[in-house]
Amino acid sequence: MGAHGWSSARLGFVVCGYLAFFCGEIVPKAEAGCWDREVPNCCTGRNNECFEYTKRKTVCYCDTYCQKTGDCCEDYQLVCQISAIDCVVGSWGPWSSCTSTCGVGSTERSRQVSVPPRNGGTPCPDLKQRRGCFGNNAICSTAKEVAKILPDSFKRNFKDPWRRPHMLMKEEKASYCVYLRVKQASAACKLWSAHLVRERLVCAECQSDAMSKSDRCGGDGLESTRTFWAAASVPGCHGSWVRESSSEGCRCPPYSVLFV
């Protein structure tokens, strides 16, 4: 081959080299993207699992957050933005009743999703709201009463030694029993009663002498509401309880307590 032939061949190699470089490096290869992902093609918010590998084995993302980080797949706009469906929610429901019958509590309201977000659409806003409230039910004055109690042995079958024979006997009213779940008892109560301990169910009897004009004993509790008690004979012995049930015309078993 002459000098002219070698020169032409060399020029051909150079041209082919430039073409290969241009085709391989300057013109991008076909990329894999959001369209190639398994369902769902697109994801809302930030989701590090919502990615795909390109033909170059690099990672690109198909979540909404990729628009901030600049690492979206090449077809993100085409696949995710055009077909994106934003979340749609309904109207707020009514506020619930206050969680506390008496005093500070909370109330909440909610709303439902009408259309869930798809393909990278705007995520749903908060579906629940909560705010403080103050319960002031008609029974709140009763809840503030503090029961005064004594051991049942203190006054069972009690005979008044000072009553004169000619004094009229008080009308004897039928006793009733109240069953209360102890929620708190101070340390001083350990010297007084082994039954006034947390979560123990105790029976408190309301006898005729302790009844008010309304035929009930003060501080005899409220169902589902914590009320307070104090031992009449032991300073510093006090606590709280919740009324669970009551029974008319009954007597509590031994080692119970009495309202005074």
C-alpha atoms as a PDB file:
ATOM      1  CA  MET A   1       0.000   0.000   0.000  1.00  0.00           C
ATOM      2  CA  GLY A   2       1.390   3.406  -0.959  1.00  0.00           C
ATOM      3  CA  ALA A   3       1.738   6.427   1.241  1.00  0.00           C
ATOM      4  CA  HIS A   4      -1.513   7.833  -0.102  1.00  0.00           C
ATOM      5  CA  GLY A   5      -3.356   4.579   0.818  1.00  0.00           C
ATOM      6  CA  TRP A   6      -2.070   4.579   4.382  1.00  0.00           C
ATOM      7  CA  SER A   7      -3.030   8.195   4.787  1.00  0.00           C
ATOM      8  CA  SER A   8      -6.612   7.522   3.618  1.00  0.00           C
ATOM      9  CA  ALA A   9      -6.982   4.508   5.947  1.00  0.00           C
ATOM     10  CA  ARG A  10      -5.707   6.488   8.913  1.00  0.00           C
ATOM     11  CA  LEU A  11      -8.176   9.256   8.185  1.00  0.00           C
ATOM     12  CA  GLY A  12     -10.967   6.665   8.086  1.00  0.00           C
ATOM     13  CA  PHE A  13     -10.003   5.313  11.519  1.00  0.00           C
ATOM     14  CA  VAL A  14      -9.988   8.819  12.955  1.00  0.00           C
ATOM     15  CA  VAL A  15     -13.421   9.618  11.492  1.00  0.00           C
ATOM     16  CA  CYS A  16     -14.884   6.347  12.809  1.00  0.00           C
ATOM     17  CA  GLY A  17     -13.384   7.042  16.214  1.00  0.00           C
ATOM     18  CA  TYR A  18     -15.024  10.435  16.370  1.00  0.00           C
ATOM     19  CA  LEU A  19     -18.351   8.956  15.243  1.00  0.00           C
ATOM     20  CA  ALA A  20     -18.130   6.251  17.928  1.00  0.00           C
ATOM     21  CA  PHE A  21     -17.382   8.805  20.590  1.00  0.00           C
ATOM     22  CA  PHE A  22     -20.213  11.030  19.380  1.00  0.00           C
ATOM     23  CA  CYS A  23     -22.723   8.159  19.259  1.00  0.00           C
ATOM     24  CA  GLY A  24     -21.637   6.648  22.559  1.00  0.00           C
ATOM     25  CA  GLU A  25     -20.988   9.716  24.674  1.00  0.00           C
ATOM     26  CA  ILE A  26     -22.632  12.802  23.215  1.00  0.00           C
ATOM     27  CA  VAL A  27     -25.900  11.208  22.067  1.00  0.00           C
ATOM     28  CA  PRO A  28     -27.487   9.690  25.232  1.00  0.00           C
ATOM     29  CA  LYS A  29     -28.453   6.086  25.252  1.00  0.00           C
ATOM     30  CA  ALA A  30     -32.075   5.110  25.744  1.00  0.00           C
ATOM     31  CA  GLU A  31     -32.775   5.376  29.473  1.00  0.00           C
ATOM     32  CA  ALA A  32     -35.030   3.206  31.639  1.00  0.00           C
ATOM     33  CA  GLY A  33     -37.404   5.282  33.754  1.00  0.00           C
ATOM     34  CA  CYS A  34     -40.689   5.595  35.604  1.00  0.00           C
ATOM     35  CA  TRP A  35     -42.604   3.908  32.794  1.00  0.00           C
ATOM     36  CA  ASP A  36     -40.528   0.743  33.332  1.00  0.00           C
ATOM     37  CA  ARG A  37     -41.314   0.553  37.060  1.00  0.00           C
ATOM     38  CA  GLU A  38     -43.735  -1.930  38.500  1.00  0.00           C
ATOM     39  CA  VAL A  39     -47.009  -0.421  39.644  1.00  0.00           C
ATOM     40  CA  PRO A  40     -47.129   2.208  40.969  1.00  0.00           C
ATOM     41  CA  ASN A  41     -45.028   3.993  38.387  1.00  0.00           C
ATOM     42  CA  CYS A  42     -44.858   7.120  40.534  1.00  0.00           C
ATOM     43  CA  CYS A  43     -44.892   7.799  44.277  1.00  0.00           C
ATOM     44  CA  THR A  44     -45.956  10.708  46.479  1.00  0.00           C
ATOM     45  CA  GLY A  45     -43.730  12.549  48.934  1.00  0.00           C
ATOM     46  CA  ARG A  46     -40.240  11.217  49.640  1.00  0.00           C
ATOM     47  CA  ASN A  47     -39.913   7.501  48.990  1.00  0.00           C
ATOM     48  CA  ASN A  48     -36.399   6.071  48.645  1.00  0.00           C
ATOM     49  CA  GLU A  49     -37.867   2.794  47.396  1.00  0.00           C
ATOM     50  CA  CYS A  50     -39.448   4.530  44.391  1.00  0.00           C
ATOM     51  CA  PHE A  51     -36.484   4.312  41.984  1.00  0.00           C
ATOM     52  CA  GLU A  52     -35.372   2.670  38.768  1.00  0.00           C
ATOM     53  CA  TYR A  53     -31.996   1.777  37.277  1.00  0.00           C
ATOM     54  CA  THR A  54     -31.012   3.405  34.018  1.00  0.00           C
ATOM     55  CA  LYS A  55     -29.227   1.596  31.211  1.00  0.00           C
ATOM     56  CA  ARG A  56     -26.034   3.077  32.616  1.00  0.00           C
ATOM     57  CA  LYS A  57     -26.800   1.404  35.967  1.00  0.00           C
ATOM     58  CA  THR A  58     -27.320   4.723  37.698  1.00  0.00           C
ATOM     59  CA  VAL A  59     -30.311   5.345  39.965  1.00  0.00           C
ATOM     60  CA  CYS A  60     -33.112   7.769  39.176  1.00  0.00           C
ATOM     61  CA  TYR A  61     -36.274   8.407  41.207  1.00  0.00           C
ATOM     62  CA  CYS A  62     -39.979   8.644  40.485  1.00  0.00           C
ATOM     63  CA  ASP A  63     -41.193  10.203  43.747  1.00  0.00           C
ATOM     64  CA  THR A  64     -42.408  13.781  44.160  1.00  0.00           C
ATOM     65  CA  TYR A  65     -39.314  14.634  46.187  1.00  0.00           C
ATOM     66  CA  CYS A  66     -37.020  14.061  43.189  1.00  0.00           C
ATOM     67  CA  GLN A  67     -38.116  17.437  41.821  1.00  0.00           C
ATOM     68  CA  LYS A  68     -36.328  19.062  44.780  1.00  0.00           C
ATOM     69  CA  THR A  69     -33.210  16.887  44.628  1.00  0.00           C
ATOM     70  CA  GLY A  70     -32.958  16.923  40.829  1.00  0.00           C
ATOM     71  CA  ASP A  71     -32.600  13.157  40.445  1.00  0.00           C
ATOM     72  CA  CYS A  72     -35.859  12.344  38.641  1.00  0.00           C
ATOM     73  CA  CYS A  73     -35.892   9.810  35.842  1.00  0.00           C
ATOM     74  CA  GLU A  74     -35.913  11.347  32.363  1.00  0.00           C
ATOM     75  CA  ASP A  75     -39.558  10.443  31.730  1.00  0.00           C
ATOM     76  CA  TYR A  76     -40.781  11.664  35.145  1.00  0.00           C
ATOM     77  CA  GLN A  77     -42.542  14.722  33.709  1.00  0.00           C
ATOM     78  CA  LEU A  78     -44.193  12.686  30.983  1.00  0.00           C
ATOM     79  CA  VAL A  79     -45.276   9.715  33.100  1.00  0.00           C
ATOM     80  CA  CYS A  80     -45.860  11.208  36.547  1.00  0.00           C
ATOM     81  CA  GLN A  81     -46.791  14.846  36.104  1.00  0.00           C
ATOM     82  CA  ILE A  82     -49.259  14.537  33.263  1.00  0.00           C
ATOM     83  CA  SER A  83     -51.073  11.578  34.861  1.00  0.00           C
ATOM     84  CA  ALA A  84     -50.776  12.853  38.451  1.00  0.00           C
ATOM     85  CA  ILE A  85     -54.008  12.897  40.494  1.00  0.00           C
ATOM     86  CA  ASP A  86     -54.046  15.112  43.570  1.00  0.00           C
ATOM     87  CA  CYS A  87     -55.668  14.088  46.833  1.00  0.00           C
ATOM     88  CA  VAL A  88     -59.202  15.353  47.402  1.00  0.00           C
ATOM     89  CA  VAL A  89     -60.762  15.367  50.876  1.00  0.00           C
ATOM     90  CA  GLY A  90     -64.317  15.953  52.078  1.00  0.00           C
ATOM     91  CA  SER A  91     -65.636  18.502  54.542  1.00  0.00           C
ATOM     92  CA  TRP A  92     -64.812  18.399  58.250  1.00  0.00           C
ATOM     93  CA  GLY A  93     -67.197  16.419  60.417  1.00  0.00           C
ATOM     94  CA  PRO A  94     -68.625  17.762  63.689  1.00  0.00           C
ATOM     95  CA  TRP A  95     -66.490  18.120  66.803  1.00  0.00           C
ATOM     96  CA  SER A  96     -66.751  15.208  69.221  1.00  0.00           C
ATOM     97  CA  SER A  97     -67.904  15.671  72.794  1.00  0.00           C
ATOM     98  CA  CYS A  98     -65.292  16.662  75.358  1.00  0.00           C
ATOM     99  CA  THR A  99     -63.320  13.720  76.717  1.00  0.00           C
ATOM    100  CA  SER A 100     -63.652  15.118  80.226  1.00  0.00           C
ATOM    101  CA  THR A 101     -67.072  15.451  81.817  1.00  0.00           C
ATOM    102  CA  CYS A 102     -65.619  17.888  84.321  1.00  0.00           C
ATOM    103  CA  GLY A 103     -62.474  19.927  83.767  1.00  0.00           C
ATOM    104  CA  VAL A 104     -59.851  20.010  81.021  1.00  0.00           C
ATOM    105  CA  GLY A 105     -60.153  17.511  78.174  1.00  0.00           C
ATOM    106  CA  SER A 106     -59.930  17.358  74.386  1.00  0.00           C
ATOM    107  CA  THR A 107     -62.260  17.130  71.407  1.00  0.00           C
ATOM    108  CA  GLU A 108     -61.541  16.163  67.808  1.00  0.00           C
ATOM    109  CA  ARG A 109     -63.046  16.100  64.349  1.00  0.00           C
ATOM    110  CA  SER A 110     -62.123  14.247  61.151  1.00  0.00           C
ATOM    111  CA  ARG A 111     -62.681  14.177  57.419  1.00  0.00           C
ATOM    112  CA  GLN A 112     -62.504  11.441  54.791  1.00  0.00           C
ATOM    113  CA  VAL A 113     -60.452  11.054  51.621  1.00  0.00           C
ATOM    114  CA  SER A 114     -62.666  11.369  48.549  1.00  0.00           C
ATOM    115  CA  VAL A 115     -59.936  10.802  45.946  1.00  0.00           C
ATOM    116  CA  PRO A 116     -56.575   9.301  47.002  1.00  0.00           C
ATOM    117  CA  PRO A 117     -53.414  10.701  45.359  1.00  0.00           C
ATOM    118  CA  ARG A 118     -51.931   8.730  42.487  1.00  0.00           C
ATOM    119  CA  ASN A 119     -48.886   8.965  40.287  1.00  0.00           C
ATOM    120  CA  GLY A 120     -47.107  11.604  42.299  1.00  0.00           C
ATOM    121  CA  GLY A 121     -50.119  13.816  42.954  1.00  0.00           C
ATOM    122  CA  THR A 122     -50.337  16.176  45.919  1.00  0.00           C
ATOM    123  CA  PRO A 123     -50.457  14.192  49.209  1.00  0.00           C
ATOM    124  CA  CYS A 124     -53.524  14.380  51.438  1.00  0.00           C
ATOM    125  CA  PRO A 125     -53.638  17.072  54.154  1.00  0.00           C
ATOM    126  CA  ASP A 126     -54.341  16.276  57.819  1.00  0.00           C
ATOM    127  CA  LEU A 127     -57.457  14.181  58.267  1.00  0.00           C
ATOM    128  CA  LYS A 128     -57.854  14.834  62.016  1.00  0.00           C
ATOM    129  CA  GLN A 129     -57.866  17.952  64.149  1.00  0.00           C
ATOM    130  CA  ARG A 130     -57.801  18.137  67.950  1.00  0.00           C
ATOM    131  CA  ARG A 131     -58.302  21.017  70.361  1.00  0.00           C
ATOM    132  CA  GLY A 132     -58.706  21.517  74.078  1.00  0.00           C
ATOM    133  CA  CYS A 133     -62.049  21.788  75.839  1.00  0.00           C
ATOM    134  CA  PHE A 134     -63.429  22.213  79.341  1.00  0.00           C
ATOM    135  CA  GLY A 135     -66.191  19.918  80.503  1.00  0.00           C
ATOM    136  CA  ASN A 136     -68.813  21.518  82.697  1.00  0.00           C
ATOM    137  CA  ASN A 137     -71.578  18.959  82.929  1.00  0.00           C
ATOM    138  CA  ALA A 138     -74.434  19.306  85.389  1.00  0.00           C
ATOM    139  CA  ILE A 139     -72.918  16.537  87.509  1.00  0.00           C
ATOM    140  CA  CYS A 140     -69.643  18.420  87.979  1.00  0.00           C
ATOM    141  CA  SER A 141     -70.731  19.789  91.344  1.00  0.00           C
ATOM    142  CA  THR A 142     -71.256  16.203  92.510  1.00  0.00           C
ATOM    143  CA  ALA A 143     -67.836  15.215  91.192  1.00  0.00           C
ATOM    144  CA  LYS A 144     -66.246  17.830  93.459  1.00  0.00           C
ATOM    145  CA  GLU A 145     -67.664  16.214  96.597  1.00  0.00           C
ATOM    146  CA  VAL A 146     -65.086  14.421  98.738  1.00  0.00           C
ATOM    147  CA  ALA A 147     -66.406  11.286 100.409  1.00  0.00           C
ATOM    148  CA  LYS A 148     -65.665  10.873 104.120  1.00  0.00           C
ATOM    149  CA  ILE A 149     -65.244   7.208 104.976  1.00  0.00           C
ATOM    150  CA  LEU A 150     -64.643   4.958 108.002  1.00  0.00           C
ATOM    151  CA  PRO A 151     -64.029   1.214 108.399  1.00  0.00           C
ATOM    152  CA  ASP A 152     -67.300  -0.707 108.465  1.00  0.00           C
ATOM    153  CA  SER A 153     -66.466  -1.974 111.976  1.00  0.00           C
ATOM    154  CA  PHE A 154     -66.624   1.574 113.306  1.00  0.00           C
ATOM    155  CA  LYS A 155     -70.376   1.947 113.195  1.00  0.00           C
ATOM    156  CA  ARG A 156     -71.943  -1.394 112.395  1.00  0.00           C
ATOM    157  CA  ASN A 157     -74.675  -2.165 114.948  1.00  0.00           C
ATOM    158  CA  PHE A 158     -73.774   1.053 116.739  1.00  0.00           C
ATOM    159  CA  LYS A 159     -75.904   1.985 119.789  1.00  0.00           C
ATOM    160  CA  ASP A 160     -75.940   5.602 120.922  1.00  0.00           C
ATOM    161  CA  PRO A 161     -75.226   5.528 124.703  1.00  0.00           C
ATOM    162  CA  TRP A 162     -76.421   9.128 125.134  1.00  0.00           C
ATOM    163  CA  ARG A 163     -79.915   8.675 123.715  1.00  0.00           C
ATOM    164  CA  ARG A 164     -82.651   9.221 126.337  1.00  0.00           C
ATOM    165  CA  PRO A 165     -85.434   6.638 126.427  1.00  0.00           C
ATOM    166  CA  HIS A 166     -88.051   9.296 125.633  1.00  0.00           C
ATOM    167  CA  MET A 167     -86.165  10.604 122.551  1.00  0.00           C
ATOM    168  CA  LEU A 168     -87.755   9.699 119.262  1.00  0.00           C
ATOM    169  CA  MET A 169     -85.838   7.263 117.108  1.00  0.00           C
ATOM    170  CA  LYS A 170     -84.816   8.567 113.702  1.00  0.00           C
ATOM    171  CA  GLU A 171     -86.516   7.006 110.726  1.00  0.00           C
ATOM    172  CA  GLU A 172     -84.366   4.142 109.576  1.00  0.00           C
ATOM    173  CA  LYS A 173     -83.796   4.218 105.842  1.00  0.00           C
ATOM    174  CA  ALA A 174     -82.609   1.268 103.812  1.00  0.00           C
ATOM    175  CA  SER A 175     -78.882   1.196 103.187  1.00  0.00           C
ATOM    176  CA  TYR A 176     -77.394   1.017  99.712  1.00  0.00           C
ATOM    177  CA  CYS A 177     -74.001  -0.147  98.511  1.00  0.00           C
ATOM    178  CA  VAL A 178     -71.635   1.447  96.043  1.00  0.00           C
ATOM    179  CA  TYR A 179     -68.810  -0.506  94.410  1.00  0.00           C
ATOM    180  CA  LEU A 180     -65.822   1.682  93.554  1.00  0.00           C
ATOM    181  CA  ARG A 181     -62.476   0.975  91.889  1.00  0.00           C
ATOM    182  CA  VAL A 182     -59.619   2.597  93.817  1.00  0.00           C
ATOM    183  CA  LYS A 183     -57.376   4.665  91.537  1.00  0.00           C
ATOM    184  CA  GLN A 184     -55.100   6.240  94.110  1.00  0.00           C
ATOM    185  CA  ALA A 185     -54.418   5.902  97.841  1.00  0.00           C
ATOM    186  CA  SER A 186     -51.851   7.803  99.898  1.00  0.00           C
ATOM    187  CA  ALA A 187     -49.150   6.035 101.899  1.00  0.00           C
ATOM    188  CA  ALA A 188     -50.866   6.879 105.200  1.00  0.00           C
ATOM    189  CA  CYS A 189     -53.746   4.566 104.284  1.00  0.00           C
ATOM    190  CA  LYS A 190     -51.563   1.457 104.661  1.00  0.00           C
ATOM    191  CA  LEU A 191     -51.813   1.796 108.453  1.00  0.00           C
ATOM    192  CA  TRP A 192     -55.585   2.003 108.264  1.00  0.00           C
ATOM    193  CA  SER A 193     -56.812  -0.478 105.663  1.00  0.00           C
ATOM    194  CA  ALA A 194     -55.188  -3.145 103.520  1.00  0.00           C
ATOM    195  CA  HIS A 195     -58.078  -2.918 101.052  1.00  0.00           C
ATOM    196  CA  LEU A 196     -57.611   0.674  99.927  1.00  0.00           C
ATOM    197  CA  VAL A 197     -54.955  -0.073  97.311  1.00  0.00           C
ATOM    198  CA  ARG A 198     -54.810   0.849  93.665  1.00  0.00           C
ATOM    199  CA  GLU A 199     -57.200  -1.021  91.329  1.00  0.00           C
ATOM    200  CA  ARG A 200     -58.885  -2.838  94.238  1.00  0.00           C
ATOM    201  CA  LEU A 201     -62.693  -2.924  94.091  1.00  0.00           C
ATOM    202  CA  VAL A 202     -64.153  -1.836  97.425  1.00  0.00           C
ATOM    203  CA  CYS A 203     -67.691  -1.739  98.710  1.00  0.00           C
ATOM    204  CA  ALA A 204     -68.798   1.453 100.445  1.00  0.00           C
ATOM    205  CA  GLU A 205     -72.085   1.348 102.349  1.00  0.00           C
ATOM    206  CA  CYS A 206     -74.356   4.332 102.792  1.00  0.00           C
ATOM    207  CA  GLN A 207     -76.359   3.854 105.994  1.00  0.00           C
ATOM    208  CA  SER A 208     -79.358   5.837 107.156  1.00  0.00           C
ATOM    209  CA  ASP A 209     -77.460   8.074 109.600  1.00  0.00           C
ATOM    210  CA  ALA A 210     -75.095   9.304 106.879  1.00  0.00           C
ATOM    211  CA  MET A 211     -77.786  10.127 104.298  1.00  0.00           C
ATOM    212  CA  SER A 212     -78.640  13.682 103.383  1.00  0.00           C
ATOM    213  CA  LYS A 213     -82.157  14.955 102.645  1.00  0.00           C
ATOM    214  CA  SER A 214     -81.805  13.519  99.162  1.00  0.00           C
ATOM    215  CA  ASP A 215     -81.442  10.026 100.663  1.00  0.00           C
ATOM    216  CA  ARG A 216     -77.880   9.662  99.425  1.00  0.00           C
ATOM    217  CA  CYS A 217     -74.426   9.939 100.942  1.00  0.00           C
ATOM    218  CA  GLY A 218     -72.168  12.773  99.920  1.00  0.00           C
ATOM    219  CA  GLY A 219     -69.314  11.786  97.605  1.00  0.00           C
ATOM    220  CA  ASP A 220     -70.780   8.395  96.688  1.00  0.00           C
ATOM    221  CA  GLY A 221     -69.098   8.624  93.281  1.00  0.00           C
ATOM    222  CA  LEU A 222     -69.922   8.899  89.596  1.00  0.00           C
ATOM    223  CA  GLU A 223     -69.649   6.212  86.945  1.00  0.00           C
ATOM    224  CA  SER A 224     -66.697   6.643  84.556  1.00  0.00           C
ATOM    225  CA  THR A 225     -65.572   9.749  86.470  1.00  0.00           C
ATOM    226  CA  ARG A 226     -62.818   9.939  89.065  1.00  0.00           C
ATOM    227  CA  THR A 227     -63.935  11.357  92.420  1.00  0.00           C
ATOM    228  CA  PHE A 228     -62.116  11.724  95.718  1.00  0.00           C
ATOM    229  CA  TRP A 229     -62.318  10.307  99.243  1.00  0.00           C
ATOM    230  CA  ALA A 230     -60.643  10.865 102.605  1.00  0.00           C
ATOM    231  CA  ALA A 231     -60.511   8.747 105.777  1.00  0.00           C
ATOM    232  CA  ALA A 232     -62.321  10.556 108.582  1.00  0.00           C
ATOM    233  CA  SER A 233     -60.213   8.947 111.293  1.00  0.00           C
ATOM    234  CA  VAL A 234     -56.683   8.963 109.774  1.00  0.00           C
ATOM    235  CA  PRO A 235     -55.076  12.302 108.863  1.00  0.00           C
ATOM    236  CA  GLY A 236     -53.296  12.150 105.505  1.00  0.00           C
ATOM    237  CA  CYS A 237     -55.195   9.098 104.256  1.00  0.00           C
ATOM    238  CA  HIS A 238     -56.954  10.100 101.036  1.00  0.00           C
ATOM    239  CA  GLY A 239     -57.224   9.091  97.404  1.00  0.00           C
ATOM    240  CA  SER A 240     -59.519   8.751  94.409  1.00  0.00           C
ATOM    241  CA  TRP A 241     -61.808   6.124  92.927  1.00  0.00           C
ATOM    242  CA  VAL A 242     -64.283   5.496  90.096  1.00  0.00           C
ATOM    243  CA  ARG A 243     -67.793   4.202  90.687  1.00  0.00           C
ATOM    244  CA  GLU A 244     -68.595   0.981  88.819  1.00  0.00           C
ATOM    245  CA  SER A 245     -72.013  -0.050  90.165  1.00  0.00           C
ATOM    246  CA  SER A 246     -74.467   0.297  93.034  1.00  0.00           C
ATOM    247  CA  SER A 247     -77.113  -1.803  94.734  1.00  0.00           C
ATOM    248  CA  GLU A 248     -80.161  -0.678  96.692  1.00  0.00           C
ATOM    249  CA  GLY A 249     -81.192  -2.228 100.011  1.00  0.00           C
ATOM    250  CA  CYS A 250     -77.949  -4.083 100.630  1.00  0.00           C
ATOM    251  CA  ARG A 251     -75.141  -4.387 103.157  1.00  0.00           C
ATOM    252  CA  CYS A 252     -71.470  -4.516 102.243  1.00  0.00           C
ATOM    253  CA  PRO A 253     -69.456  -7.588 103.330  1.00  0.00           C
ATOM    254  CA  PRO A 254     -67.008  -7.330 106.279  1.00  0.00           C
ATOM    255  CA  TYR A 255     -63.866  -5.227 105.864  1.00  0.00           C
ATOM    256  CA  SER A 256     -65.632  -2.702 103.695  1.00  0.00           C
ATOM    257  CA  VAL A 257     -66.046   1.034 104.363  1.00  0.00           C
ATOM    258  CA  LEU A 258     -68.881   3.306 105.441  1.00  0.00           C
ATOM    259  CA  PHE A 259     -69.815   6.782 104.275  1.00  0.00           C
ATOM    260  CA  VAL A 260     -70.101   9.288 107.135  1.00  0.00           C
END
